[in-house]
Amino acid sequence: MKFGRDIEHKMSIIKNDTPLIDLRAPIEFNKGAMPSSINIPILNNEQRASVGIKYKNEGGGSAEKLGFNLVKDKKNELVSMWKKFIKENPDTYIYCMRGGRRSQIAQQWLNDEGINVPFIKGGYKTLRQSCIEILNSVNDDQKEWIILAGRTGTGKTTILKDLNSAIDLEGHAHHRGSAFGGLAEEQPTVINFENNLASEYIKHDSKILFLEDECRRIGKLSIPNAWYEKMEKAKIVTIELDIEERISNIAMEYVYRPLENGLSKKS
């Protein structure tokens, strides 16, 4: 995989699980963020909305002034939380949506405390674009993809988890892939599913990649197009098991274990 220098830098941040402080409002963070990030926002959701309206009606100068007035009384509290995280994670970067004023203000406040921390140029949008580039790079990789197929109850997922060179799509989707495959845990957003998948894939250094045979959709989530198309062309290994063992596995996976862990509200 060959990319431009800036993309390579972003990808190294993703690959190394570099600690990140996400300065965006919770509503932005919850839609999608990087796996190694923590949300310590400058503006809460209501404040962000107010600043956005001010920007639309009166321009950037008025919006920035309003934003500063909204957070000035919380400056010390915010800086204290940022400092604590940075002390525990010295390689931290900070980012907002586009690497704009929120990142610059946070960096300046930390500089005033004698702490020099870099921010991501281009912000979250460039990290997100890097994840998309990673996912699409499967078209050009030299890995051999092998798909584990078989009927429900043949233990495909169990086998997959024992393989060091495997990626568990259902694990990332928090769903077992069938009509009754929902777990007690909610599925991630589409963006978080893709970001987490990209993060694992860029760390995958084997020449062989094992994946479980899946429909395009896993619960409410869809496998990225480039991945699904490559899976359709990959080698298939079919796992077979006699009916008695399959019934036992199905009962354990879909009945007894969910009862132990808490049934899902959604399938």
Protein backbone atom coordinates (compact mmCIF):
# COMPACT_ATOMS: atom_id res chain seq x y z
CA MET A 1 0.00 0.00 0.00
CA LYS A 2 1.45 3.35 -1.09
CA PHE A 3 0.01 6.69 -0.01
CA GLY A 4 1.03 10.35 0.16
CA ARG A 5 3.23 11.54 3.03
CA ASP A 6 0.38 13.25 4.91
CA ILE A 7 -1.87 10.20 4.62
CA GLU A 8 1.03 7.98 5.70
CA HIS A 9 1.42 10.09 8.86
CA LYS A 10 -2.28 9.79 9.68
CA MET A 11 -2.13 6.04 9.04
CA SER A 12 0.83 5.67 11.39
CA ILE A 13 -1.26 7.37 14.09
CA ILE A 14 -4.05 4.85 13.45
CA LYS A 15 -1.71 1.86 13.24
CA ASN A 16 0.12 2.74 16.46
CA ASP A 17 -3.07 3.46 18.42
CA THR A 18 -1.66 6.88 19.22
CA PRO A 19 -3.60 8.37 22.16
CA LEU A 20 -5.98 11.09 20.98
CA ILE A 21 -8.07 13.74 22.69
CA ASP A 22 -11.20 14.43 20.66
CA LEU A 23 -12.23 18.03 21.30
CA ARG A 24 -15.50 17.82 19.40
CA ALA A 25 -18.90 17.98 21.05
CA PRO A 26 -20.36 14.66 22.28
CA ILE A 27 -22.92 14.59 19.46
CA GLU A 28 -20.07 14.66 16.94
CA PHE A 29 -17.98 12.12 18.84
CA ASN A 30 -20.87 9.67 19.18
CA LYS A 31 -21.46 9.60 15.42
CA GLY A 32 -17.93 8.36 14.87
CA ALA A 33 -14.45 8.72 16.34
CA MET A 34 -11.06 7.06 16.34
CA PRO A 35 -10.60 3.86 18.39
CA SER A 36 -7.77 5.31 20.48
CA SER A 37 -9.55 8.58 21.31
CA ILE A 38 -11.20 9.99 24.40
CA ASN A 39 -13.81 12.74 24.24
CA ILE A 40 -12.95 15.79 26.36
CA PRO A 41 -14.82 18.49 24.43
CA ILE A 42 -14.36 22.22 24.52
CA LEU A 43 -18.03 22.85 23.73
CA ASN A 44 -21.00 20.73 24.78
CA ASN A 45 -23.80 20.00 22.31
CA GLU A 46 -25.89 23.05 23.18
CA GLN A 47 -22.89 25.40 23.09
CA ARG A 48 -21.77 24.00 19.73
CA ALA A 49 -25.27 24.58 18.31
CA SER A 50 -25.30 28.17 19.59
CA VAL A 51 -21.88 28.89 18.09
CA GLY A 52 -23.00 27.37 14.78
CA ILE A 53 -26.05 29.64 14.63
CA LYS A 54 -23.93 32.67 15.49
CA TYR A 55 -21.44 31.75 12.74
CA LYS A 56 -24.23 31.39 10.18
CA ASN A 57 -25.87 34.68 11.10
CA GLU A 58 -22.92 36.92 12.02
CA GLY A 59 -19.72 35.28 10.80
CA GLY A 60 -16.59 33.71 12.26
CA GLY A 61 -15.51 36.58 14.50
CA SER A 62 -18.77 36.74 16.41
CA ALA A 63 -18.96 32.94 16.65
CA GLU A 64 -15.43 32.71 18.06
CA LYS A 65 -16.17 35.42 20.62
CA LEU A 66 -19.33 33.63 21.72
CA GLY A 67 -17.49 30.31 21.96
CA PHE A 68 -14.79 31.83 24.16
CA ASN A 69 -17.37 33.41 26.46
CA LEU A 70 -19.20 30.09 26.77
CA VAL A 71 -16.14 28.15 27.91
CA LYS A 72 -13.99 30.71 29.73
CA ASP A 73 -15.35 29.70 33.14
CA LYS A 74 -14.57 26.02 32.41
CA LYS A 75 -11.06 26.64 31.07
CA ASN A 76 -9.25 25.44 34.19
CA GLU A 77 -11.41 22.34 34.47
CA LEU A 78 -10.85 21.43 30.81
CA VAL A 79 -7.11 22.02 30.96
CA SER A 80 -6.89 19.90 34.10
CA MET A 81 -8.63 16.98 32.37
CA TRP A 82 -6.45 17.32 29.26
CA LYS A 83 -3.29 17.49 31.39
CA LYS A 84 -4.25 14.37 33.31
CA PHE A 85 -4.76 12.38 30.11
CA ILE A 86 -1.55 13.69 28.53
CA LYS A 87 0.45 12.88 31.66
CA GLU A 88 -0.79 9.28 31.41
CA ASN A 89 -0.30 9.25 27.61
CA PRO A 90 2.73 11.41 26.70
CA ASP A 91 2.39 10.76 22.93
CA THR A 92 -1.07 12.33 22.78
CA TYR A 93 -2.37 14.33 19.82
CA ILE A 94 -5.48 16.51 19.94
CA TYR A 95 -8.02 17.08 17.20
CA CYS A 96 -11.33 18.74 16.43
CA MET A 97 -13.38 18.38 13.25
CA ARG A 98 -11.06 20.14 10.82
CA GLY A 99 -8.03 21.12 12.89
CA GLY A 100 -9.39 24.65 13.32
CA ARG A 101 -10.03 26.96 16.21
CA ARG A 102 -10.95 24.34 18.80
CA SER A 103 -7.63 22.57 18.29
CA GLN A 104 -5.71 25.84 18.23
CA ILE A 105 -7.35 27.14 21.41
CA ALA A 106 -6.77 23.88 23.28
CA GLN A 107 -3.15 23.80 22.13
CA GLN A 108 -2.62 27.40 23.29
CA TRP A 109 -4.19 26.77 26.69
CA LEU A 110 -1.92 23.77 27.16
CA ASN A 111 1.10 25.75 25.99
CA ASP A 112 0.29 28.33 28.66
CA GLU A 113 0.71 25.48 31.17
CA GLY A 114 4.07 24.50 29.70
CA ILE A 115 2.69 21.49 27.82
CA ASN A 116 3.42 21.16 24.12
CA VAL A 117 1.00 18.82 22.39
CA PRO A 118 0.52 18.54 18.60
CA PHE A 119 -2.86 18.68 16.91
CA ILE A 120 -3.96 16.75 13.84
CA LYS A 121 -3.78 18.97 10.77
CA GLY A 122 -7.08 18.68 9.00
CA GLY A 123 -8.66 17.26 12.14
CA TYR A 124 -10.97 14.28 12.38
CA LYS A 125 -12.00 14.62 8.73
CA THR A 126 -8.49 13.64 7.59
CA LEU A 127 -8.31 10.72 10.03
CA ARG A 128 -11.67 9.51 8.76
CA GLN A 129 -10.48 9.83 5.17
CA SER A 130 -7.40 7.80 6.09
CA CYS A 131 -9.65 5.03 7.42
CA ILE A 132 -11.55 4.99 4.14
CA GLU A 133 -8.26 4.80 2.24
CA ILE A 134 -7.18 1.84 4.39
CA LEU A 135 -10.45 0.00 3.75
CA ASN A 136 -10.26 0.61 0.01
CA SER A 137 -6.61 -0.45 -0.14
CA VAL A 138 -7.68 -4.11 -0.05
CA ASN A 139 -8.09 -3.83 -3.82
CA ASP A 140 -4.32 -3.58 -4.16
CA ASP A 141 -3.02 -5.69 -1.29
CA GLN A 142 -1.15 -8.94 -1.86
CA LYS A 143 -2.79 -10.92 0.93
CA GLU A 144 -4.50 -14.20 0.26
CA TRP A 145 -8.06 -13.99 1.55
CA ILE A 146 -9.69 -17.22 2.75
CA ILE A 147 -13.38 -17.36 3.67
CA LEU A 148 -14.65 -19.81 6.29
CA ALA A 149 -18.09 -21.01 5.19
CA GLY A 150 -20.58 -23.48 6.60
CA ARG A 151 -24.06 -23.81 8.00
CA THR A 152 -25.12 -22.22 11.27
CA GLY A 153 -23.75 -24.16 14.21
CA THR A 154 -20.57 -25.44 12.55
CA GLY A 155 -18.42 -23.26 14.81
CA LYS A 156 -17.01 -20.89 12.18
CA THR A 157 -16.65 -18.00 14.60
CA THR A 158 -14.94 -20.16 17.22
CA ILE A 159 -12.43 -21.40 14.65
CA LEU A 160 -11.88 -17.85 13.40
CA LYS A 161 -11.04 -16.59 16.88
CA ASP A 162 -8.33 -19.26 17.19
CA LEU A 163 -6.57 -18.01 14.04
CA ASN A 164 -3.97 -15.29 14.57
CA SER A 165 -4.36 -14.03 11.00
CA ALA A 166 -8.14 -13.59 11.15
CA ILE A 167 -10.38 -10.54 11.45
CA ASP A 168 -13.74 -11.05 13.14
CA LEU A 169 -16.29 -8.94 11.24
CA GLU A 170 -19.12 -10.05 13.51
CA GLY A 171 -17.07 -9.09 16.54
CA HIS A 172 -16.60 -5.58 15.18
CA ALA A 173 -20.30 -5.41 14.28
CA HIS A 174 -21.42 -6.69 17.73
CA HIS A 175 -23.76 -9.07 15.92
CA ARG A 176 -23.68 -12.77 15.06
CA GLY A 177 -24.84 -12.20 11.50
CA SER A 178 -28.10 -14.17 11.42
CA ALA A 179 -31.72 -13.10 11.88
CA PHE A 180 -31.34 -13.97 15.58
CA GLY A 181 -27.80 -12.70 15.86
CA GLY A 182 -28.34 -9.60 17.95
CA LEU A 183 -26.41 -9.23 21.19
CA ALA A 184 -27.27 -7.40 24.40
CA GLU A 185 -24.71 -4.81 23.37
CA GLU A 186 -25.84 -2.20 20.84
CA GLN A 187 -24.19 -2.24 17.44
CA PRO A 188 -21.71 0.56 16.75
CA THR A 189 -22.44 3.34 14.29
CA VAL A 190 -21.49 2.68 10.68
CA ILE A 191 -18.56 5.08 10.99
CA ASN A 192 -17.22 3.47 14.16
CA PHE A 193 -17.58 0.01 12.62
CA GLU A 194 -15.52 1.12 9.63
CA ASN A 195 -12.94 3.03 11.68
CA ASN A 196 -12.37 0.06 14.00
CA LEU A 197 -12.12 -2.30 11.04
CA ALA A 198 -9.59 -0.05 9.32
CA SER A 199 -7.56 0.18 12.53
CA GLU A 200 -7.34 -3.61 12.82
CA TYR A 201 -6.64 -4.14 9.14
CA ILE A 202 -3.67 -1.76 9.01
CA LYS A 203 -2.12 -3.72 11.90
CA HIS A 204 -2.67 -7.06 10.11
CA ASP A 205 0.80 -8.18 8.97
CA SER A 206 0.12 -11.75 7.83
CA LYS A 207 0.14 -12.76 4.16
CA ILE A 208 -3.14 -14.63 4.74
CA LEU A 209 -6.38 -13.13 6.00
CA PHE A 210 -9.18 -15.37 7.27
CA LEU A 211 -12.73 -14.03 7.35
CA GLU A 212 -16.08 -15.63 8.07
CA ASP A 213 -18.56 -15.94 5.22
CA GLU A 214 -21.09 -13.15 5.61
CA CYS A 215 -24.03 -11.57 3.86
CA ARG A 216 -23.44 -7.96 2.86
CA ARG A 217 -25.27 -6.84 6.00
CA ILE A 218 -24.39 -7.82 9.56
CA GLY A 219 -27.38 -6.66 11.56
CA LYS A 220 -27.89 -3.00 10.66
CA LEU A 221 -24.34 -2.59 9.35
CA SER A 222 -22.98 -3.21 5.87
CA ILE A 223 -19.58 -4.64 5.02
CA PRO A 224 -17.56 -2.03 3.07
CA ASN A 225 -18.02 -2.50 -0.68
CA ALA A 226 -14.35 -3.15 -1.43
CA TRP A 227 -14.25 -5.83 1.26
CA TYR A 228 -17.45 -7.56 0.19
CA GLU A 229 -16.38 -7.63 -3.45
CA LYS A 230 -13.02 -9.13 -2.53
CA MET A 231 -14.68 -11.70 -0.24
CA GLU A 232 -16.89 -12.78 -3.14
CA LYS A 233 -13.78 -13.63 -5.18
CA ALA A 234 -11.75 -15.22 -2.36
CA LYS A 235 -11.03 -18.89 -1.73
CA ILE A 236 -13.66 -20.68 0.37
CA VAL A 237 -13.11 -23.35 3.02
CA THR A 238 -16.37 -25.08 3.96
CA ILE A 239 -16.70 -26.41 7.50
CA GLU A 240 -18.97 -29.40 8.00
CA LEU A 241 -20.36 -30.84 11.22
CA ASP A 242 -22.98 -33.47 11.95
CA ILE A 243 -26.49 -32.32 12.83
CA GLU A 244 -26.34 -33.29 16.51
CA GLU A 245 -23.25 -31.15 17.14
CA ARG A 246 -24.73 -28.28 15.16
CA ILE A 247 -27.92 -28.35 17.24
CA SER A 248 -25.85 -28.36 20.43
CA ASN A 249 -23.76 -25.41 19.21
CA ILE A 250 -26.83 -23.46 18.10
CA ALA A 251 -28.56 -23.99 21.45
CA MET A 252 -25.47 -22.78 23.31
CA GLU A 253 -24.79 -19.80 21.01
CA TYR A 254 -28.33 -18.53 20.50
CA VAL A 255 -30.16 -19.63 23.67
CA TYR A 256 -28.11 -20.54 26.72
CA ARG A 257 -25.24 -18.06 26.39
CA PRO A 258 -27.53 -15.09 25.58
CA LEU A 259 -29.62 -15.97 28.62
CA GLU A 260 -26.48 -15.88 30.74
CA ASN A 261 -25.26 -12.59 29.27
CA GLY A 262 -28.58 -10.79 28.81
CA LEU A 263 -30.84 -11.05 25.78
CA SER A 264 -30.65 -8.37 23.11
CA LYS A 265 -33.48 -5.95 22.62
CA LYS A 266 -32.86 -5.88 18.89
CA SER A 267 -31.91 -8.68 16.54
